[in-house]
N, C-alpha and C. Protein backbone atom coordinates (compact mmCIF):
# COMPACT_ATOMS: atom_id res chain seq x y z
N MET A 1 -44.28 53.63 110.22
CA MET A 1 -43.89 54.99 110.50
C MET A 1 -43.13 55.55 109.30
N LYS A 2 -43.35 56.77 109.00
CA LYS A 2 -42.76 57.39 107.82
C LYS A 2 -41.50 58.18 108.18
N LEU A 3 -40.58 57.54 108.86
CA LEU A 3 -39.34 58.18 109.25
C LEU A 3 -38.42 58.28 108.04
N LYS A 4 -37.96 59.47 107.77
CA LYS A 4 -37.10 59.68 106.62
C LYS A 4 -35.62 59.74 107.01
N ILE A 5 -35.30 60.37 108.14
CA ILE A 5 -33.91 60.56 108.54
C ILE A 5 -33.69 59.92 109.91
N PRO A 6 -32.72 59.03 110.05
CA PRO A 6 -32.44 58.43 111.36
C PRO A 6 -32.01 59.51 112.36
N PRO A 7 -32.42 59.39 113.62
CA PRO A 7 -32.09 60.40 114.63
C PRO A 7 -30.60 60.69 114.77
N ALA A 8 -29.75 59.69 114.63
CA ALA A 8 -28.30 59.94 114.72
C ALA A 8 -27.84 60.87 113.60
N LEU A 9 -28.41 60.71 112.42
CA LEU A 9 -28.06 61.59 111.30
C LEU A 9 -28.62 63.00 111.53
N VAL A 10 -29.80 63.09 112.12
CA VAL A 10 -30.37 64.39 112.47
C VAL A 10 -29.43 65.11 113.45
N LEU A 11 -28.93 64.37 114.44
CA LEU A 11 -27.98 64.94 115.40
C LEU A 11 -26.76 65.48 114.67
N LEU A 12 -26.21 64.72 113.75
CA LEU A 12 -25.03 65.17 113.01
C LEU A 12 -25.32 66.40 112.15
N CYS A 13 -26.49 66.45 111.55
CA CYS A 13 -26.87 67.61 110.74
C CYS A 13 -26.97 68.87 111.59
N PHE A 14 -27.58 68.75 112.76
CA PHE A 14 -27.69 69.90 113.64
C PHE A 14 -26.32 70.31 114.20
N ALA A 15 -25.45 69.35 114.46
CA ALA A 15 -24.10 69.66 114.91
C ALA A 15 -23.34 70.40 113.81
N LEU A 16 -23.51 69.98 112.57
CA LEU A 16 -22.88 70.67 111.45
C LEU A 16 -23.41 72.10 111.33
N LEU A 17 -24.71 72.27 111.48
CA LEU A 17 -25.30 73.60 111.45
C LEU A 17 -24.71 74.48 112.56
N MET A 18 -24.54 73.91 113.75
CA MET A 18 -23.93 74.65 114.85
C MET A 18 -22.50 75.07 114.50
N TYR A 19 -21.76 74.16 113.92
CA TYR A 19 -20.38 74.45 113.54
C TYR A 19 -20.35 75.60 112.52
N LEU A 20 -21.21 75.53 111.52
CA LEU A 20 -21.24 76.56 110.48
C LEU A 20 -21.64 77.91 111.06
N LEU A 21 -22.60 77.91 111.98
CA LEU A 21 -22.99 79.16 112.64
C LEU A 21 -21.81 79.76 113.40
N ALA A 22 -21.13 78.93 114.17
CA ALA A 22 -20.00 79.42 114.96
C ALA A 22 -18.86 79.91 114.08
N LYS A 23 -18.67 79.25 112.95
CA LYS A 23 -17.55 79.58 112.05
C LYS A 23 -17.81 80.86 111.27
N PHE A 24 -19.05 81.05 110.79
CA PHE A 24 -19.30 82.13 109.86
C PHE A 24 -20.13 83.29 110.40
N LEU A 25 -20.75 83.12 111.56
CA LEU A 25 -21.55 84.21 112.13
C LEU A 25 -20.61 85.14 112.91
N PRO A 26 -20.56 86.42 112.55
CA PRO A 26 -19.58 87.31 113.17
C PRO A 26 -19.97 87.80 114.58
N VAL A 27 -21.14 87.43 115.06
CA VAL A 27 -21.57 87.88 116.38
C VAL A 27 -22.00 86.68 117.23
N GLY A 28 -22.12 86.91 118.53
CA GLY A 28 -22.65 85.88 119.41
C GLY A 28 -21.60 85.06 120.14
N ASN A 29 -20.33 85.37 119.93
CA ASN A 29 -19.28 84.60 120.61
C ASN A 29 -19.26 84.91 122.10
N PHE A 30 -18.95 83.90 122.90
CA PHE A 30 -18.90 84.09 124.35
C PHE A 30 -17.87 83.16 124.98
N ASP A 31 -17.52 83.48 126.19
CA ASP A 31 -16.67 82.63 127.02
C ASP A 31 -17.00 82.96 128.46
N PHE A 32 -16.86 82.00 129.35
CA PHE A 32 -17.08 82.25 130.76
C PHE A 32 -16.30 81.24 131.59
N PHE A 33 -16.06 81.62 132.83
CA PHE A 33 -15.33 80.76 133.75
C PHE A 33 -16.13 79.47 133.99
N GLY A 34 -15.49 78.34 133.88
CA GLY A 34 -16.14 77.07 134.12
C GLY A 34 -16.81 76.45 132.91
N ARG A 35 -16.67 77.10 131.78
CA ARG A 35 -17.31 76.59 130.55
C ARG A 35 -16.83 75.18 130.24
N ARG A 36 -15.55 74.95 130.37
CA ARG A 36 -15.00 73.62 130.08
C ARG A 36 -15.61 72.56 130.99
N TYR A 37 -15.81 72.88 132.25
CA TYR A 37 -16.40 71.93 133.20
C TYR A 37 -17.86 71.66 132.88
N LEU A 38 -18.57 72.69 132.47
CA LEU A 38 -19.97 72.52 132.08
C LEU A 38 -20.08 71.63 130.84
N ILE A 39 -19.19 71.83 129.89
CA ILE A 39 -19.17 70.99 128.68
C ILE A 39 -18.96 69.53 129.08
N MET A 40 -17.97 69.28 129.93
CA MET A 40 -17.68 67.91 130.35
C MET A 40 -18.85 67.31 131.12
N ALA A 41 -19.50 68.10 131.97
CA ALA A 41 -20.64 67.60 132.74
C ALA A 41 -21.80 67.23 131.83
N LEU A 42 -22.12 68.10 130.87
CA LEU A 42 -23.22 67.81 129.94
C LEU A 42 -22.92 66.57 129.12
N PHE A 43 -21.69 66.46 128.63
CA PHE A 43 -21.32 65.30 127.82
C PHE A 43 -21.35 64.02 128.65
N ALA A 44 -20.85 64.09 129.88
CA ALA A 44 -20.86 62.90 130.76
C ALA A 44 -22.30 62.47 131.06
N MET A 45 -23.18 63.44 131.34
CA MET A 45 -24.58 63.10 131.58
C MET A 45 -25.18 62.42 130.36
N ALA A 46 -24.85 62.93 129.16
CA ALA A 46 -25.39 62.34 127.93
C ALA A 46 -24.92 60.90 127.78
N VAL A 47 -23.65 60.65 128.02
CA VAL A 47 -23.12 59.29 127.89
C VAL A 47 -23.78 58.36 128.90
N ILE A 48 -23.92 58.80 130.13
CA ILE A 48 -24.56 57.98 131.17
C ILE A 48 -26.00 57.66 130.80
N ILE A 49 -26.73 58.67 130.35
CA ILE A 49 -28.13 58.46 129.95
C ILE A 49 -28.21 57.48 128.79
N LEU A 50 -27.33 57.62 127.81
CA LEU A 50 -27.32 56.70 126.66
C LEU A 50 -27.03 55.27 127.11
N LEU A 51 -26.02 55.09 127.94
CA LEU A 51 -25.66 53.75 128.39
C LEU A 51 -26.80 53.09 129.17
N ILE A 52 -27.42 53.85 130.06
CA ILE A 52 -28.54 53.31 130.84
C ILE A 52 -29.70 52.96 129.92
N SER A 53 -30.01 53.84 128.97
CA SER A 53 -31.12 53.59 128.04
C SER A 53 -30.88 52.36 127.21
N PHE A 54 -29.68 52.26 126.63
CA PHE A 54 -29.36 51.09 125.81
C PHE A 54 -29.41 49.81 126.62
N TYR A 55 -28.90 49.87 127.84
CA TYR A 55 -28.93 48.70 128.71
C TYR A 55 -30.37 48.27 129.00
N GLN A 56 -31.24 49.23 129.26
CA GLN A 56 -32.63 48.88 129.54
C GLN A 56 -33.31 48.23 128.34
N PHE A 57 -33.03 48.73 127.14
CA PHE A 57 -33.58 48.09 125.94
C PHE A 57 -33.04 46.67 125.80
N TYR A 58 -31.73 46.50 126.01
CA TYR A 58 -31.11 45.19 125.90
C TYR A 58 -31.69 44.22 126.92
N ARG A 59 -31.84 44.69 128.14
CA ARG A 59 -32.36 43.85 129.23
C ARG A 59 -33.81 43.44 128.98
N ALA A 60 -34.59 44.34 128.40
CA ALA A 60 -36.00 44.05 128.12
C ALA A 60 -36.18 43.23 126.84
N LYS A 61 -35.09 43.07 126.09
CA LYS A 61 -35.13 42.32 124.83
C LYS A 61 -36.19 42.88 123.87
N THR A 62 -36.15 44.20 123.71
CA THR A 62 -37.06 44.86 122.78
C THR A 62 -36.23 45.73 121.84
N THR A 63 -36.84 46.19 120.78
CA THR A 63 -36.11 46.93 119.75
C THR A 63 -35.74 48.33 120.21
N ILE A 64 -34.59 48.76 119.74
CA ILE A 64 -34.14 50.13 119.98
C ILE A 64 -34.18 50.92 118.68
N ASP A 65 -34.59 50.28 117.61
CA ASP A 65 -34.63 50.89 116.28
C ASP A 65 -35.70 51.98 116.22
N PRO A 66 -35.29 53.26 116.10
CA PRO A 66 -36.27 54.34 116.06
C PRO A 66 -37.08 54.37 114.77
N GLY A 67 -36.63 53.65 113.76
CA GLY A 67 -37.37 53.59 112.50
C GLY A 67 -38.47 52.55 112.49
N SER A 68 -38.46 51.67 113.51
CA SER A 68 -39.45 50.60 113.58
C SER A 68 -40.01 50.44 115.00
N PRO A 69 -40.67 51.46 115.52
CA PRO A 69 -41.22 51.31 116.87
C PRO A 69 -42.32 50.25 116.95
N SER A 70 -42.86 49.87 115.81
CA SER A 70 -43.91 48.84 115.80
C SER A 70 -43.35 47.47 116.19
N LYS A 71 -42.03 47.32 116.17
CA LYS A 71 -41.41 46.06 116.57
C LYS A 71 -41.20 45.97 118.08
N ALA A 72 -41.60 47.00 118.80
CA ALA A 72 -41.42 46.99 120.26
C ALA A 72 -42.25 45.88 120.88
N SER A 73 -41.62 45.10 121.72
CA SER A 73 -42.32 43.99 122.37
C SER A 73 -42.68 44.31 123.82
N LYS A 74 -42.12 45.40 124.34
CA LYS A 74 -42.36 45.77 125.72
C LYS A 74 -42.27 47.28 125.86
N LEU A 75 -43.14 47.83 126.70
CA LEU A 75 -43.12 49.25 127.01
C LEU A 75 -42.22 49.46 128.22
N LEU A 76 -41.17 50.24 128.04
CA LEU A 76 -40.26 50.53 129.15
C LEU A 76 -40.79 51.70 129.96
N THR A 77 -41.06 51.46 131.24
CA THR A 77 -41.59 52.52 132.10
C THR A 77 -40.83 52.65 133.40
N ASN A 78 -39.80 51.83 133.59
CA ASN A 78 -39.05 51.90 134.83
C ASN A 78 -37.65 52.45 134.57
N GLY A 79 -36.83 52.51 135.61
CA GLY A 79 -35.48 53.02 135.46
C GLY A 79 -35.48 54.46 134.99
N ILE A 80 -34.67 54.73 134.00
CA ILE A 80 -34.57 56.10 133.47
C ILE A 80 -35.86 56.54 132.79
N TYR A 81 -36.65 55.55 132.35
CA TYR A 81 -37.91 55.86 131.68
C TYR A 81 -39.00 56.31 132.65
N LYS A 82 -38.71 56.33 133.93
CA LYS A 82 -39.62 56.93 134.91
C LYS A 82 -39.52 58.45 134.86
N PHE A 83 -38.42 58.96 134.32
CA PHE A 83 -38.15 60.39 134.34
C PHE A 83 -38.28 61.05 132.97
N SER A 84 -38.09 60.28 131.91
CA SER A 84 -38.16 60.80 130.55
C SER A 84 -38.69 59.71 129.63
N ARG A 85 -39.63 60.08 128.76
CA ARG A 85 -40.11 59.10 127.78
C ARG A 85 -39.11 58.93 126.65
N ASN A 86 -38.20 59.88 126.50
CA ASN A 86 -37.25 59.85 125.40
C ASN A 86 -35.83 60.17 125.88
N PRO A 87 -35.28 59.35 126.75
CA PRO A 87 -33.96 59.68 127.29
C PRO A 87 -32.85 59.68 126.24
N ILE A 88 -32.99 58.88 125.19
CA ILE A 88 -31.95 58.87 124.15
C ILE A 88 -31.96 60.19 123.41
N TYR A 89 -33.12 60.74 123.11
CA TYR A 89 -33.18 62.04 122.45
C TYR A 89 -32.74 63.14 123.40
N LEU A 90 -33.02 62.98 124.69
CA LEU A 90 -32.52 63.92 125.69
C LEU A 90 -31.00 63.91 125.71
N ALA A 91 -30.40 62.74 125.64
CA ALA A 91 -28.94 62.63 125.59
C ALA A 91 -28.39 63.32 124.34
N MET A 92 -29.08 63.15 123.22
CA MET A 92 -28.65 63.83 122.00
C MET A 92 -28.69 65.35 122.18
N LEU A 93 -29.72 65.84 122.83
CA LEU A 93 -29.83 67.27 123.10
C LEU A 93 -28.67 67.72 123.99
N LEU A 94 -28.35 66.95 125.01
CA LEU A 94 -27.23 67.31 125.89
C LEU A 94 -25.91 67.34 125.12
N ILE A 95 -25.74 66.42 124.18
CA ILE A 95 -24.54 66.43 123.34
C ILE A 95 -24.49 67.71 122.50
N LEU A 96 -25.62 68.08 121.92
CA LEU A 96 -25.65 69.32 121.14
C LEU A 96 -25.37 70.54 122.01
N LEU A 97 -25.92 70.57 123.21
CA LEU A 97 -25.67 71.70 124.10
C LEU A 97 -24.19 71.77 124.48
N ALA A 98 -23.58 70.63 124.76
CA ALA A 98 -22.15 70.60 125.08
C ALA A 98 -21.33 71.08 123.87
N PHE A 99 -21.70 70.62 122.69
CA PHE A 99 -20.99 71.03 121.48
C PHE A 99 -21.16 72.52 121.24
N GLY A 100 -22.37 73.02 121.45
CA GLY A 100 -22.62 74.46 121.29
C GLY A 100 -21.78 75.28 122.25
N LEU A 101 -21.65 74.82 123.49
CA LEU A 101 -20.80 75.51 124.45
C LEU A 101 -19.34 75.46 124.02
N LYS A 102 -18.92 74.32 123.50
CA LYS A 102 -17.54 74.17 123.03
C LYS A 102 -17.26 75.17 121.91
N LEU A 103 -18.21 75.34 121.01
CA LEU A 103 -18.04 76.28 119.90
C LEU A 103 -18.08 77.73 120.37
N GLY A 104 -18.78 77.99 121.47
CA GLY A 104 -18.80 79.32 122.05
C GLY A 104 -19.58 80.37 121.29
N ASN A 105 -20.69 79.99 120.68
CA ASN A 105 -21.55 80.95 120.00
C ASN A 105 -22.96 80.84 120.56
N ALA A 106 -23.49 81.95 121.04
CA ALA A 106 -24.79 81.97 121.71
C ALA A 106 -25.93 81.53 120.79
N PHE A 107 -25.79 81.72 119.50
CA PHE A 107 -26.86 81.35 118.57
C PHE A 107 -27.03 79.84 118.44
N ASN A 108 -26.07 79.09 118.93
CA ASN A 108 -26.21 77.64 118.90
C ASN A 108 -27.30 77.14 119.84
N SER A 109 -27.67 77.94 120.84
CA SER A 109 -28.80 77.55 121.69
C SER A 109 -30.09 77.53 120.89
N LEU A 110 -30.20 78.43 119.91
CA LEU A 110 -31.37 78.41 119.02
C LEU A 110 -31.38 77.15 118.16
N THR A 111 -30.20 76.72 117.74
CA THR A 111 -30.09 75.50 116.95
C THR A 111 -30.53 74.30 117.78
N ALA A 112 -30.15 74.27 119.05
CA ALA A 112 -30.58 73.18 119.94
C ALA A 112 -32.10 73.20 120.11
N ALA A 113 -32.68 74.39 120.20
CA ALA A 113 -34.14 74.49 120.30
C ALA A 113 -34.81 73.98 119.02
N LEU A 114 -34.21 74.27 117.88
CA LEU A 114 -34.74 73.75 116.61
C LEU A 114 -34.64 72.22 116.56
N PHE A 115 -33.58 71.68 117.14
CA PHE A 115 -33.44 70.22 117.22
C PHE A 115 -34.62 69.62 117.99
N VAL A 116 -34.96 70.23 119.13
CA VAL A 116 -36.09 69.76 119.94
C VAL A 116 -37.38 69.83 119.13
N ALA A 117 -37.60 70.94 118.46
CA ALA A 117 -38.82 71.10 117.66
C ALA A 117 -38.87 70.07 116.54
N TYR A 118 -37.76 69.87 115.85
CA TYR A 118 -37.71 68.89 114.77
C TYR A 118 -38.00 67.49 115.30
N MET A 119 -37.32 67.10 116.37
CA MET A 119 -37.50 65.76 116.93
C MET A 119 -38.93 65.55 117.41
N ASN A 120 -39.51 66.56 118.04
CA ASN A 120 -40.91 66.43 118.48
C ASN A 120 -41.82 66.17 117.30
N ARG A 121 -41.67 66.94 116.26
CA ARG A 121 -42.60 66.87 115.13
C ARG A 121 -42.38 65.63 114.24
N PHE A 122 -41.13 65.35 113.90
CA PHE A 122 -40.88 64.34 112.89
C PHE A 122 -40.42 62.99 113.43
N GLN A 123 -40.08 62.90 114.70
CA GLN A 123 -39.65 61.63 115.26
C GLN A 123 -40.56 61.18 116.40
N ILE A 124 -40.71 62.03 117.40
CA ILE A 124 -41.40 61.61 118.62
C ILE A 124 -42.90 61.44 118.40
N LEU A 125 -43.55 62.40 117.75
CA LEU A 125 -45.00 62.26 117.54
C LEU A 125 -45.36 61.01 116.74
N PRO A 126 -44.66 60.72 115.63
CA PRO A 126 -44.96 59.46 114.93
C PRO A 126 -44.69 58.22 115.79
N GLU A 127 -43.61 58.25 116.59
CA GLU A 127 -43.33 57.13 117.49
C GLU A 127 -44.46 56.96 118.50
N GLU A 128 -44.92 58.08 119.05
CA GLU A 128 -45.99 58.02 120.05
C GLU A 128 -47.27 57.45 119.47
N GLU A 129 -47.58 57.77 118.23
CA GLU A 129 -48.77 57.21 117.59
C GLU A 129 -48.68 55.69 117.51
N VAL A 130 -47.51 55.20 117.09
CA VAL A 130 -47.31 53.75 116.96
C VAL A 130 -47.38 53.09 118.34
N LEU A 131 -46.70 53.65 119.32
CA LEU A 131 -46.69 53.06 120.66
C LEU A 131 -48.08 53.10 121.29
N SER A 132 -48.82 54.15 121.01
CA SER A 132 -50.19 54.23 121.54
C SER A 132 -51.06 53.13 120.94
N SER A 133 -50.88 52.87 119.66
CA SER A 133 -51.68 51.80 119.05
C SER A 133 -51.23 50.42 119.54
N LEU A 134 -49.94 50.27 119.85
CA LEU A 134 -49.42 48.99 120.35
C LEU A 134 -49.81 48.72 121.79
N PHE A 135 -49.68 49.73 122.65
CA PHE A 135 -49.82 49.51 124.08
C PHE A 135 -51.06 50.17 124.69
N GLY A 136 -51.83 50.88 123.90
CA GLY A 136 -53.12 51.42 124.31
C GLY A 136 -53.12 52.25 125.57
N LYS A 137 -54.03 51.90 126.48
CA LYS A 137 -54.22 52.68 127.71
C LYS A 137 -52.98 52.70 128.59
N GLU A 138 -52.21 51.62 128.58
CA GLU A 138 -50.98 51.57 129.38
C GLU A 138 -50.02 52.68 128.92
N TYR A 139 -49.91 52.89 127.61
CA TYR A 139 -49.04 53.94 127.08
C TYR A 139 -49.62 55.32 127.37
N GLN A 140 -50.92 55.46 127.24
CA GLN A 140 -51.55 56.75 127.52
C GLN A 140 -51.38 57.15 128.98
N TYR A 141 -51.49 56.19 129.88
CA TYR A 141 -51.26 56.44 131.30
C TYR A 141 -49.80 56.84 131.52
N TYR A 142 -48.90 56.14 130.88
CA TYR A 142 -47.47 56.44 130.99
C TYR A 142 -47.19 57.87 130.51
N CYS A 143 -47.77 58.26 129.38
CA CYS A 143 -47.59 59.61 128.86
C CYS A 143 -48.11 60.67 129.82
N ALA A 144 -49.19 60.36 130.50
CA ALA A 144 -49.75 61.31 131.46
C ALA A 144 -48.86 61.43 132.70
N GLN A 145 -48.09 60.42 133.01
CA GLN A 145 -47.26 60.42 134.21
C GLN A 145 -45.84 60.92 133.99
N VAL A 146 -45.31 60.74 132.78
CA VAL A 146 -43.89 61.02 132.51
C VAL A 146 -43.78 62.04 131.37
N ARG A 147 -42.93 63.02 131.58
CA ARG A 147 -42.74 64.06 130.58
C ARG A 147 -41.99 63.52 129.35
N ARG A 148 -42.18 64.19 128.24
CA ARG A 148 -41.58 63.76 126.98
C ARG A 148 -40.05 63.85 127.02
N TRP A 149 -39.51 64.94 127.50
CA TRP A 149 -38.05 65.14 127.49
C TRP A 149 -37.45 64.97 128.86
N PHE A 150 -37.85 65.78 129.82
CA PHE A 150 -37.30 65.69 131.18
C PHE A 150 -38.21 66.37 132.16
């Protein structure tokens, strides 16, 4: 796979972009009742999803390295993977959404959408090609049954 940037670094780059938008863009600021609770809920969901995902990889004794999906020894289709093919990337998106709410600039939702587009194109599609070649029809059936994000 021709992965150039690790997903964690992509997350940090998009978070930095969100920060810069909130800091220097003179429009788009917002606040609403319950914003703090929504931020905490999104962040808590992200942490729970990450912990469950990591535990499932550990339990299955397969690689979690997004740069080497060809090292996968097992296709995870149960647990949280019944609901999302990419729960770790979903958790990253939830973290970005929580951060965007914390910054309080409406344009950060566009940045989160760009994160999804970037991850689909440069991370998920190449991973799916590798997994399809590794697991064949089992992976294709899984893709038909479970959505990419949520």
